[in-house]
């Protein structure tokens, strides 16, 4: 197997045995990025010299026998909403196009402490709002399996760069499925940890009660390796849970005896493509052959998941994005042009005797806010801000947001009851494989419905993983396993069990020349 088609775990073994150097590995992935990313568009930025400098420093320390971190010498890509000192953190938005962070996010700080080579920043839907990575202000990302199709979103760049063998590991974020859905569509493994398992400090917020960072990789083994590094309590994040972090990478290959799986009745209804259903049911048979018991369960409130999510998430987005006003930081409109236009309009109205209308013109400060935000935010972000602001407004709060929170509690209760009966919930990640770029961009509801199987895990705060389980029309299909809170250790073991018995996770797209 070639270097760039090896797993992170295999590469780490080669590094530790000094059969490969970090410079060799990093160079190979950088070559792959330069060769293929102009067509894929997974990266917003990468710096060959900076990456090789990191790799060279790690090789020198290894040669001297100095202590090294758990990822020493392995390239890792980072979704462009996790801050890193002195680097651009754009969230794929014009409003942050020139923002350089003065501090590291906890995830990035932990990657640096583990001696990972930070190889580049990946593309995403603007502020993580989208399911196709078409909402980026800078570029579209294409699916390496078929460049006419979406890689999924919002962590489309993070999934595509792994699928295209441009990096062995990447970090994404998942607010309603944004790790699991692109992992499924790109044929890689993607884990959404339990809310609170990974610090959100320095993760630019979309929906604070839903956002969670997690790993994307080829295998459950690799995801375990990366999660072990980034998980853990952080006093700078009030939502970070002070719970022990298991040695995921050490236990991931231990099979689970007496495994019980719950197949959700509501997930196999109208809208699910036959090929996806068949692949999922075949995966269930694999688990049965490994000794698992499978029973049908019900999550009766899951049908409200999308509606609840698209109230809660936009409400939180409306609040979080209010800080982008063109004054404190971020994009600021051309003030000289704005003042000139306002003065000209005022003079015109006064000259026409329309003094009352002239007095009603916005103040320069209000106009500055309005223009800066109008120019800086893209259409999908504006849509969600308006939805959230409306739902939070006087007279509508109880009817929409408060009711959504009550149903959110019922969704969590459904999972709590399910996990009293079974170890994991099993089912599809998405109703279909990757769809064509442009197919849903003008139909927000159709795009939102792609999240129907993933949003509930975020609303309930539980863990979920997507692993490859088949193909349809040459496109990958993902299998989703969901676990009770903070059960990532067993969840990864369950995923590894399946990958030990199948080879879907070993498939690689043919990138051509």
Protein backbone atom coordinates (compact mmCIF):
# COMPACT_ATOMS: atom_id res chain seq x y z
CA UNK A 1 0.00 0.00 0.00
CA UNK A 2 1.30 3.47 -0.90
CA UNK A 3 2.17 5.95 1.81
CA UNK A 4 -0.83 8.21 1.20
CA UNK A 5 -3.23 5.25 1.14
CA UNK A 6 -2.06 4.01 4.53
CA UNK A 7 -4.10 4.59 7.66
CA UNK A 8 -2.94 7.02 10.33
CA UNK A 9 -2.32 4.09 12.66
CA UNK A 10 -0.07 2.39 10.09
CA UNK A 11 1.84 5.61 9.43
CA UNK A 12 2.36 6.19 13.13
CA UNK A 13 3.88 2.73 13.46
CA UNK A 14 6.25 3.49 10.58
CA UNK A 15 7.24 6.78 12.18
CA UNK A 16 7.85 5.22 15.57
CA UNK A 17 10.02 2.52 13.96
CA UNK A 18 11.92 5.21 12.01
CA UNK A 19 11.07 3.51 8.71
CA UNK A 20 9.46 6.74 7.53
CA UNK A 21 10.10 10.34 8.49
CA UNK A 22 7.50 13.03 9.07
CA UNK A 23 9.04 15.04 6.24
CA UNK A 24 8.54 12.12 3.83
CA UNK A 25 4.94 11.61 4.89
CA UNK A 26 4.06 15.31 4.93
CA UNK A 27 5.70 15.85 1.53
CA UNK A 28 3.69 12.98 0.03
CA UNK A 29 0.40 14.47 1.26
CA UNK A 30 1.38 17.98 0.17
CA UNK A 31 2.15 16.61 -3.30
CA UNK A 32 -1.32 15.04 -3.34
CA UNK A 33 -2.91 18.33 -2.32
CA UNK A 34 -1.07 20.24 -5.04
CA UNK A 35 -1.97 17.58 -7.61
CA UNK A 36 -5.66 17.16 -6.85
CA UNK A 37 -7.04 19.95 -4.67
CA UNK A 38 -7.44 22.42 -7.56
CA UNK A 39 -10.28 20.10 -8.69
CA UNK A 40 -11.56 18.99 -5.28
CA UNK A 41 -11.39 22.31 -3.39
CA UNK A 42 -11.07 20.73 0.06
CA UNK A 43 -8.57 23.26 1.39
CA UNK A 44 -9.03 26.97 1.83
CA UNK A 45 -5.36 27.36 2.73
CA UNK A 46 -2.25 25.27 3.14
CA UNK A 47 1.38 26.32 3.50
CA UNK A 48 3.91 23.81 2.21
CA UNK A 49 6.90 25.49 3.82
CA UNK A 50 5.23 25.85 7.22
CA UNK A 51 4.04 22.21 7.21
CA UNK A 52 7.49 20.90 6.27
CA UNK A 53 9.06 23.08 8.93
CA UNK A 54 6.81 21.46 11.54
CA UNK A 55 7.63 17.99 10.20
CA UNK A 56 11.37 18.68 10.16
CA UNK A 57 11.34 19.86 13.77
CA UNK A 58 9.55 16.67 14.86
CA UNK A 59 12.03 14.46 12.97
CA UNK A 60 14.91 16.24 14.65
CA UNK A 61 13.41 15.71 18.09
CA UNK A 62 12.79 12.03 17.32
CA UNK A 63 16.40 11.61 16.16
CA UNK A 64 17.59 13.06 19.48
CA UNK A 65 15.37 10.69 21.47
CA UNK A 66 13.31 13.53 22.93
CA UNK A 67 9.74 12.91 24.19
CA UNK A 68 7.08 13.23 21.51
CA UNK A 69 3.30 13.55 21.48
CA UNK A 70 0.79 10.87 20.50
CA UNK A 71 0.45 12.12 16.91
CA UNK A 72 4.10 13.01 16.39
CA UNK A 73 4.70 13.63 12.71
CA UNK A 74 1.19 12.86 11.43
CA UNK A 75 -0.50 15.49 9.22
CA UNK A 76 -3.89 16.72 10.43
CA UNK A 77 -6.20 19.13 8.60
CA UNK A 78 -8.46 21.48 10.57
CA UNK A 79 -11.88 22.87 9.63
CA UNK A 80 -11.62 26.63 9.28
CA UNK A 81 -13.67 27.55 12.35
CA UNK A 82 -11.21 26.45 15.01
CA UNK A 83 -8.91 29.31 15.90
CA UNK A 84 -5.13 29.09 15.68
CA UNK A 85 -2.79 31.82 16.87
CA UNK A 86 -1.85 34.26 14.12
CA UNK A 87 -3.68 32.33 11.41
CA UNK A 88 -6.74 33.27 9.43
CA UNK A 89 -9.94 31.74 10.80
CA UNK A 90 -12.61 32.64 8.25
CA UNK A 91 -15.49 30.21 8.85
CA UNK A 92 -15.67 30.37 5.02
CA UNK A 93 -17.34 33.77 5.38
CA UNK A 94 -16.53 37.16 3.89
CA UNK A 95 -17.27 38.75 7.24
CA UNK A 96 -14.19 37.02 8.71
CA UNK A 97 -12.10 36.98 5.54
CA UNK A 98 -9.25 38.90 7.20
CA UNK A 99 -9.63 37.76 10.81
CA UNK A 100 -6.45 36.42 12.42
CA UNK A 101 -6.96 34.80 15.78
CA UNK A 102 -4.93 36.00 18.76
CA UNK A 103 -5.22 32.58 20.45
CA UNK A 104 -5.43 28.84 19.87
CA UNK A 105 -8.65 26.91 20.24
CA UNK A 106 -8.29 24.08 22.74
CA UNK A 107 -8.54 21.50 19.96
CA UNK A 108 -5.71 23.14 18.00
CA UNK A 109 -3.64 23.56 21.17
CA UNK A 110 -4.04 19.83 21.90
CA UNK A 111 -3.04 18.92 18.34
CA UNK A 112 0.07 21.05 18.68
CA UNK A 113 0.87 19.47 22.06
CA UNK A 114 0.50 16.03 20.43
CA UNK A 115 3.07 17.11 17.77
CA UNK A 116 0.65 16.81 14.86
CA UNK A 117 1.67 18.52 11.62
CA UNK A 118 -1.10 21.04 10.94
CA UNK A 119 -1.19 20.70 7.18
CA UNK A 120 -4.00 23.11 6.25
CA UNK A 121 -7.42 24.65 6.84
CA UNK A 122 -10.42 23.02 5.18
CA UNK A 123 -13.41 24.49 3.40
CA UNK A 124 -16.89 24.41 4.91
CA UNK A 125 -20.37 25.82 4.60
CA UNK A 126 -20.27 29.39 5.90
CA UNK A 127 -20.40 29.35 9.72
CA UNK A 128 -21.13 25.61 9.40
CA UNK A 129 -24.62 26.35 8.05
CA UNK A 130 -25.32 23.89 5.27
CA UNK A 131 -25.19 20.30 4.13
CA UNK A 132 -23.26 20.47 0.87
CA UNK A 133 -20.27 22.85 1.31
CA UNK A 134 -21.81 25.00 -1.43
CA UNK A 135 -22.44 27.85 1.01
CA UNK A 136 -18.77 28.72 1.40
CA UNK A 137 -18.07 32.33 0.44
CA UNK A 138 -14.85 31.29 -1.29
CA UNK A 139 -15.27 28.03 -3.23
CA UNK A 140 -17.24 24.83 -3.62
CA UNK A 141 -15.82 21.51 -2.50
CA UNK A 142 -16.31 18.51 -4.78
CA UNK A 143 -16.73 14.87 -3.82
CA UNK A 144 -13.56 12.89 -4.68
CA UNK A 145 -15.69 9.92 -5.76
CA UNK A 146 -17.51 12.06 -8.35
CA UNK A 147 -16.45 15.66 -8.84
CA UNK A 148 -19.95 16.63 -10.00
CA UNK A 149 -21.35 15.78 -6.57
CA UNK A 150 -21.30 17.29 -3.11
CA UNK A 151 -19.00 15.95 -0.41
CA UNK A 152 -21.74 16.73 2.12
CA UNK A 153 -21.52 19.46 4.69
CA UNK A 154 -20.79 21.45 6.60
CA UNK A 155 -17.44 19.67 7.14
CA UNK A 156 -17.23 18.83 3.43
CA UNK A 157 -13.62 19.92 3.09
CA UNK A 158 -12.57 17.93 6.15
CA UNK A 159 -14.16 14.75 4.75
CA UNK A 160 -13.07 15.28 1.15
CA UNK A 161 -9.40 15.81 2.03
CA UNK A 162 -9.30 12.45 3.82
CA UNK A 163 -11.19 10.68 1.01
CA UNK A 164 -8.81 12.16 -1.58
CA UNK A 165 -5.77 10.96 0.43
CA UNK A 166 -4.59 14.52 1.04
CA UNK A 167 -4.25 13.90 4.78
CA UNK A 168 -4.74 10.85 7.01
CA UNK A 169 -6.68 12.76 9.68
CA UNK A 170 -8.86 15.82 9.90
CA UNK A 171 -10.99 17.70 12.40
CA UNK A 172 -14.58 18.61 11.61
CA UNK A 173 -17.50 19.90 13.64
CA UNK A 174 -20.99 18.49 13.94
CA UNK A 175 -24.00 20.68 14.81
CA UNK A 176 -26.70 18.60 13.11
CA UNK A 177 -24.75 15.94 11.26
CA UNK A 178 -21.87 17.95 9.81
CA UNK A 179 -19.24 15.28 10.53
CA UNK A 180 -21.34 12.16 9.97
CA UNK A 181 -23.12 13.20 6.76
CA UNK A 182 -19.96 14.20 4.81
CA UNK A 183 -18.17 11.13 6.21
CA UNK A 184 -20.95 8.98 4.74
CA UNK A 185 -20.93 10.76 1.39
CA UNK A 186 -17.14 10.62 1.10
CA UNK A 187 -16.75 7.03 2.31
CA UNK A 188 -14.71 7.75 5.44
CA UNK A 189 -15.22 7.33 9.18
CA UNK A 190 -16.55 10.33 11.12
CA UNK A 191 -17.33 10.59 14.82
CA UNK A 192 -19.52 13.14 16.58
CA UNK A 193 -18.57 12.93 20.26
CA UNK A 194 -20.98 13.47 23.13
CA UNK A 195 -21.71 17.14 23.77
CA UNK A 196 -19.14 18.24 26.33
CA UNK A 197 -16.56 15.54 25.50
CA UNK A 198 -14.41 17.90 23.37
CA UNK A 199 -13.84 21.53 24.35
CA UNK A 200 -15.58 24.20 22.30
CA UNK A 201 -13.18 26.94 23.43
CA UNK A 202 -12.02 28.67 20.26
CA UNK A 203 -14.63 26.92 18.11
CA UNK A 204 -16.47 29.79 16.42
CA UNK A 205 -20.06 29.23 17.51
CA UNK A 206 -23.00 28.48 15.24
CA UNK A 207 -25.38 26.89 17.78
CA UNK A 208 -23.74 26.69 21.18
CA UNK A 209 -25.87 23.88 22.63
CA UNK A 210 -25.32 21.68 19.57
CA UNK A 211 -21.79 22.28 18.21
CA UNK A 212 -19.16 19.59 18.83
CA UNK A 213 -15.76 18.97 17.22
CA UNK A 214 -14.66 15.46 16.25
CA UNK A 215 -12.40 13.33 14.05
CA UNK A 216 -12.62 12.24 10.43
CA UNK A 217 -10.36 9.42 9.29
CA UNK A 218 -10.30 6.19 7.29
CA UNK A 219 -10.91 3.81 10.19
CA UNK A 220 -12.34 3.59 13.68
CA UNK A 221 -8.77 2.94 14.88
CA UNK A 222 -7.66 6.28 13.45
CA UNK A 223 -10.70 8.10 14.83
CA UNK A 224 -9.92 6.63 18.26
CA UNK A 225 -6.36 7.89 18.03
CA UNK A 226 -7.46 11.43 17.21
CA UNK A 227 -10.31 11.54 19.73
CA UNK A 228 -7.92 10.45 22.48
CA UNK A 229 -5.87 13.59 21.77
CA UNK A 230 -8.64 16.20 21.52
CA UNK A 231 -11.06 14.93 24.22
CA UNK A 232 -11.01 16.03 27.84
CA UNK A 233 -12.17 18.63 30.31
CA UNK A 234 -11.33 22.29 29.69
CA UNK A 235 -12.05 24.88 32.41
CA UNK A 236 -12.26 27.56 29.69
CA UNK A 237 -15.40 25.91 28.31
CA UNK A 238 -18.32 25.93 30.76
CA UNK A 239 -20.01 23.12 28.82
CA UNK A 240 -16.95 20.85 28.92
CA UNK A 241 -17.60 17.80 31.10
CA UNK A 242 -15.03 16.74 33.67
CA UNK A 243 -14.99 13.02 32.88
CA UNK A 244 -12.04 10.65 32.38
CA UNK A 245 -10.84 10.14 28.81
CA UNK A 246 -10.41 6.43 28.08
CA UNK A 247 -7.41 5.15 26.13
CA UNK A 248 -9.54 4.80 23.00
CA UNK A 249 -6.63 3.75 20.78
CA UNK A 250 -5.72 0.91 23.14
CA UNK A 251 -9.21 -0.60 23.46
CA UNK A 252 -10.64 0.00 19.98
CA UNK A 253 -9.78 -3.49 18.69
CA UNK A 254 -11.39 -5.31 21.63
CA UNK A 255 -14.62 -6.94 20.38
CA UNK A 256 -17.86 -6.44 22.29
CA UNK A 257 -19.55 -9.54 23.65
CA UNK A 258 -23.33 -9.64 23.97
CA UNK A 259 -23.77 -6.60 21.73
CA UNK A 260 -27.37 -5.45 21.23
CA UNK A 261 -28.46 -3.10 18.46
CA UNK A 262 -31.70 -1.18 18.00
CA UNK A 263 -33.02 -0.75 14.48
CA UNK A 264 -35.22 2.35 14.44
CA UNK A 265 -38.62 1.73 12.90
CA UNK A 266 -39.07 5.37 11.92
CA UNK A 267 -35.82 5.42 9.90
CA UNK A 268 -37.13 2.99 7.30
CA UNK A 269 -39.94 5.01 5.80
CA UNK A 270 -40.72 6.96 2.63
CA UNK A 271 -37.76 8.94 1.30
CA UNK A 272 -35.04 6.40 2.08
CA UNK A 273 -33.44 5.18 -1.15
CA UNK A 274 -33.67 1.39 -1.64
CA UNK A 275 -29.90 0.98 -2.13
CA UNK A 276 -29.21 2.76 1.15
CA UNK A 277 -31.76 0.66 3.02
CA UNK A 278 -30.33 -2.54 1.56
CA UNK A 279 -26.76 -1.58 2.50
CA UNK A 280 -27.81 -0.79 6.07
CA UNK A 281 -29.74 -4.04 6.43
CA UNK A 282 -26.76 -5.98 5.07
CA UNK A 283 -24.57 -4.27 7.66
CA UNK A 284 -27.01 -5.37 10.36
CA UNK A 285 -26.59 -8.95 9.14
CA UNK A 286 -22.82 -8.58 9.49
CA UNK A 287 -23.27 -7.56 13.12
CA UNK A 288 -25.59 -10.54 13.67
CA UNK A 289 -22.91 -12.84 12.23
CA UNK A 290 -20.53 -11.36 14.82
CA UNK A 291 -22.87 -12.34 17.63
CA UNK A 292 -24.94 -9.18 18.01
CA UNK A 293 -28.66 -9.29 18.71
CA UNK A 294 -30.87 -6.88 16.81
CA UNK A 295 -34.32 -5.68 17.76
CA UNK A 296 -36.66 -3.11 16.29
CA UNK A 297 -37.11 -0.03 18.47
CA UNK A 298 -39.05 3.20 18.18
CA UNK A 299 -37.94 6.79 18.54
CA UNK A 300 -41.43 8.27 18.21
CA UNK A 301 -40.40 11.92 18.42
CA UNK A 302 -37.61 11.60 15.83
CA UNK A 303 -40.05 12.75 13.14
CA UNK A 304 -39.98 16.18 14.76
CA UNK A 305 -36.18 16.33 14.81
CA UNK A 306 -35.70 18.44 11.70
CA UNK A 307 -38.40 20.94 12.72
CA UNK A 308 -36.98 21.25 16.24
CA UNK A 309 -33.42 21.56 14.99
CA UNK A 310 -34.30 24.29 12.50
CA UNK A 311 -35.81 26.32 15.31
CA UNK A 312 -33.19 25.77 18.01
CA UNK A 313 -30.14 26.12 15.76
CA UNK A 314 -31.24 29.34 13.99
CA UNK A 315 -32.26 30.91 17.32
CA UNK A 316 -28.81 30.24 18.71
CA UNK A 317 -27.22 31.41 15.45
CA UNK A 318 -29.16 34.67 15.61
CA UNK A 319 -27.77 35.28 19.08
CA UNK A 320 -24.20 34.16 18.33
CA UNK A 321 -23.86 36.06 15.08
CA UNK A 322 -25.15 39.34 16.51
CA UNK A 323 -21.55 40.13 17.53
CA UNK A 324 -20.48 40.55 13.88
CA UNK A 325 -21.33 44.22 13.48
CA UNK A 326 -18.45 45.68 11.49
CA UNK A 327 -17.15 47.57 14.54
CA UNK A 328 -15.43 45.16 16.91
CA UNK A 329 -13.90 42.90 14.26
CA UNK A 330 -14.74 41.34 10.94
CA UNK A 331 -15.77 42.91 7.65
CA UNK A 332 -16.56 46.62 7.72
CA UNK A 333 -18.31 48.37 4.87
CA UNK A 334 -16.66 51.24 2.99
CA UNK A 335 -17.53 54.07 5.39
CA UNK A 336 -16.49 56.90 3.10
CA UNK A 337 -18.75 55.65 0.33
CA UNK A 338 -21.55 55.03 2.82
CA UNK A 339 -21.38 58.56 4.28
CA UNK A 340 -21.22 60.08 0.82
CA UNK A 341 -24.31 58.16 -0.27
CA UNK A 342 -26.27 59.02 2.90
CA UNK A 343 -25.38 62.72 2.64
CA UNK A 344 -26.32 62.83 -1.04
CA UNK A 345 -29.65 61.16 -0.32
CA UNK A 346 -30.36 63.51 2.58
CA UNK A 347 -29.58 66.59 0.48
CA UNK A 348 -31.78 65.30 -2.32
CA UNK A 349 -34.72 64.81 0.03
CA UNK A 350 -34.25 68.20 1.69
CA UNK A 351 -34.02 69.90 -1.70
CA UNK A 352 -37.32 68.27 -2.63
CA UNK A 353 -38.88 69.50 0.60
CA UNK A 354 -39.18 65.99 2.01
CA UNK A 355 -37.80 66.87 5.44
CA UNK A 356 -39.74 64.15 7.27
CA UNK A 357 -38.28 61.46 5.00
CA UNK A 358 -34.81 62.91 5.42
CA UNK A 359 -35.19 62.70 9.20
CA UNK A 360 -36.16 59.03 8.91
CA UNK A 361 -32.92 58.02 7.20
CA UNK A 362 -30.89 55.56 9.24
CA UNK A 363 -28.16 56.95 11.45
CA UNK A 364 -24.63 56.34 10.13
CA UNK A 365 -23.96 53.80 12.91
CA UNK A 366 -27.09 51.76 12.17
CA UNK A 367 -26.32 51.93 8.45
CA UNK A 368 -22.76 50.77 9.16
CA UNK A 369 -24.11 47.70 10.98
CA UNK A 370 -26.67 47.00 8.27
CA UNK A 371 -24.29 47.26 5.34
CA UNK A 372 -21.43 45.42 7.00
CA UNK A 373 -23.65 42.45 7.84
CA UNK A 374 -25.43 42.50 4.46
CA UNK A 375 -22.09 42.44 2.63
CA UNK A 376 -20.39 39.99 4.99
CA UNK A 377 -22.97 37.22 5.39
CA UNK A 378 -24.08 34.86 2.64
CA UNK A 379 -27.69 33.92 1.77
CA UNK A 380 -27.95 30.80 3.95
CA UNK A 381 -26.53 32.55 7.00
CA UNK A 382 -28.94 35.46 6.49
CA UNK A 383 -31.82 33.01 6.15
CA UNK A 384 -31.02 31.33 9.44
CA UNK A 385 -30.42 34.59 11.28
CA UNK A 386 -33.85 35.82 10.14
CA UNK A 387 -35.54 32.54 11.10
CA UNK A 388 -33.96 32.65 14.54
CA UNK A 389 -34.64 36.32 15.15
CA UNK A 390 -38.28 35.85 14.19
CA UNK A 391 -38.71 32.80 16.44
CA UNK A 392 -37.17 34.69 19.38
CA UNK A 393 -39.19 37.85 18.88
CA UNK A 394 -41.91 39.06 21.22
CA UNK A 395 -45.11 37.11 20.78
CA UNK A 396 -43.45 34.15 19.06
CA UNK A 397 -40.92 32.91 21.64
CA UNK A 398 -43.41 30.64 23.43
CA UNK A 399 -45.03 29.40 20.23
CA UNK A 400 -41.78 28.42 18.54
CA UNK A 401 -38.55 28.37 20.54
CA UNK A 402 -39.97 27.31 23.89
CA UNK A 403 -42.08 24.59 22.28
CA UNK A 404 -39.03 23.36 20.36
CA UNK A 405 -37.08 23.05 23.61
CA UNK A 406 -39.87 20.94 25.10
CA UNK A 407 -39.89 18.57 22.13
CA UNK A 408 -36.08 18.45 22.30
CA UNK A 409 -36.45 17.02 25.80
CA UNK A 410 -38.86 14.38 24.46
CA UNK A 411 -36.32 13.40 21.79
CA UNK A 412 -33.68 12.90 24.49
CA UNK A 413 -36.16 10.86 26.54
CA UNK A 414 -36.72 8.57 23.53
CA UNK A 415 -32.99 7.84 23.36
CA UNK A 416 -32.75 7.30 27.12
CA UNK A 417 -35.49 4.66 26.91
CA UNK A 418 -33.86 3.06 23.86
CA UNK A 419 -30.50 2.73 25.61
CA UNK A 420 -32.18 0.87 28.45
CA UNK A 421 -33.03 -1.83 25.89
CA UNK A 422 -30.02 -1.80 23.52
CA UNK A 423 -26.36 -0.80 23.48
CA UNK A 424 -26.49 1.20 20.25
CA UNK A 425 -29.00 2.59 17.80
CA UNK A 426 -28.18 1.57 14.21
CA UNK A 427 -29.44 2.95 10.92
CA UNK A 428 -28.66 5.11 7.89
CA UNK A 429 -26.80 8.42 7.98
CA UNK A 430 -28.53 9.97 5.00
CA UNK A 431 -31.51 9.17 2.80
CA UNK A 432 -29.28 8.95 -0.27
CA UNK A 433 -25.66 8.95 -1.36
CA UNK A 434 -24.06 12.22 -2.44
CA UNK A 435 -26.33 14.36 -4.61
CA UNK A 436 -25.21 16.55 -7.49
CA UNK A 437 -23.82 19.98 -6.75
CA UNK A 438 -26.57 22.54 -7.36
CA UNK A 439 -29.43 20.05 -7.02
CA UNK A 440 -30.72 21.33 -3.68
CA UNK A 441 -29.12 24.73 -3.30
CA UNK A 442 -32.34 26.51 -4.33
CA UNK A 443 -34.57 24.27 -2.22
CA UNK A 444 -33.67 24.82 1.45
CA UNK A 445 -36.30 22.38 2.73
CA UNK A 446 -34.95 19.53 0.59
CA UNK A 447 -31.45 20.32 1.84
CA UNK A 448 -32.61 20.42 5.47
CA UNK A 449 -34.35 17.05 5.14
CA UNK A 450 -30.97 15.45 4.36
CA UNK A 451 -30.32 15.82 8.11
CA UNK A 452 -33.33 13.76 9.13
CA UNK A 453 -31.29 10.88 10.63
CA UNK A 454 -28.52 12.95 12.21
CA UNK A 455 -29.99 16.01 13.95
CA UNK A 456 -31.55 14.04 16.81
CA UNK A 457 -28.13 13.02 18.17
CA UNK A 458 -27.18 16.68 18.50
CA UNK A 459 -30.49 17.61 20.08
CA UNK A 460 -30.05 14.78 22.59
CA UNK A 461 -26.34 15.44 23.11
CA UNK A 462 -25.35 11.83 22.46
CA UNK A 463 -22.47 10.30 20.47
CA UNK A 464 -22.73 9.08 16.88
CA UNK A 465 -20.41 7.63 14.25
CA UNK A 466 -20.64 7.11 10.49
CA UNK A 467 -18.76 4.22 8.90
CA UNK A 468 -18.77 3.11 5.24
CA UNK A 469 -21.10 0.18 4.55
CA UNK A 470 -21.58 -0.02 0.79
CA UNK A 471 -21.94 1.76 -2.53
CA UNK A 472 -24.75 2.91 -4.79
CA UNK A 473 -24.00 4.00 -8.35
CA UNK A 474 -20.33 4.14 -7.41
CA UNK A 475 -20.98 6.44 -4.44
CA UNK A 476 -20.34 5.55 -0.78
CA UNK A 477 -23.10 4.79 1.72
CA UNK A 478 -22.72 5.42 5.44
CA UNK A 479 -23.92 3.38 8.41
CA UNK A 480 -24.73 5.28 11.60
CA UNK A 481 -24.26 3.98 15.12
CA UNK A 482 -25.47 6.12 18.03
CA UNK A 483 -24.53 5.60 21.67
CA UNK A 484 -25.54 6.90 25.06
CA UNK A 485 -23.60 9.91 26.38
CA UNK A 486 -19.85 9.40 26.94
CA UNK A 487 -19.89 5.86 25.55
CA UNK A 488 -17.45 6.66 22.73
CA UNK A 489 -15.08 3.92 23.89
CA UNK A 490 -17.62 1.16 23.18
CA UNK A 491 -18.97 2.98 20.14
CA UNK A 492 -15.52 2.96 18.53
CA UNK A 493 -15.10 -0.71 19.40
CA UNK A 494 -18.44 -1.51 17.75
CA UNK A 495 -17.38 0.38 14.62
CA UNK A 496 -14.01 -1.39 14.56
CA UNK A 497 -15.76 -4.77 14.86
CA UNK A 498 -17.65 -4.06 11.66
CA UNK A 499 -14.55 -2.79 9.87
CA UNK A 500 -12.62 -5.90 10.88
CA UNK A 501 -15.31 -8.02 9.18
CA UNK A 502 -15.75 -5.86 6.05
CA UNK A 503 -13.59 -3.90 3.63
CA UNK A 504 -15.79 -0.94 2.67
CA UNK A 505 -13.50 1.40 4.62
CA UNK A 506 -10.51 0.33 2.51
CA UNK A 507 -11.98 1.60 -0.76
CA UNK A 508 -10.33 4.69 -2.24
CA UNK A 509 -11.58 6.93 -5.05
CA UNK A 510 -9.63 6.95 -8.30
CA UNK A 511 -8.40 10.52 -8.47
CA UNK A 512 -6.78 10.27 -11.89
CA UNK A 513 -3.80 12.35 -12.87
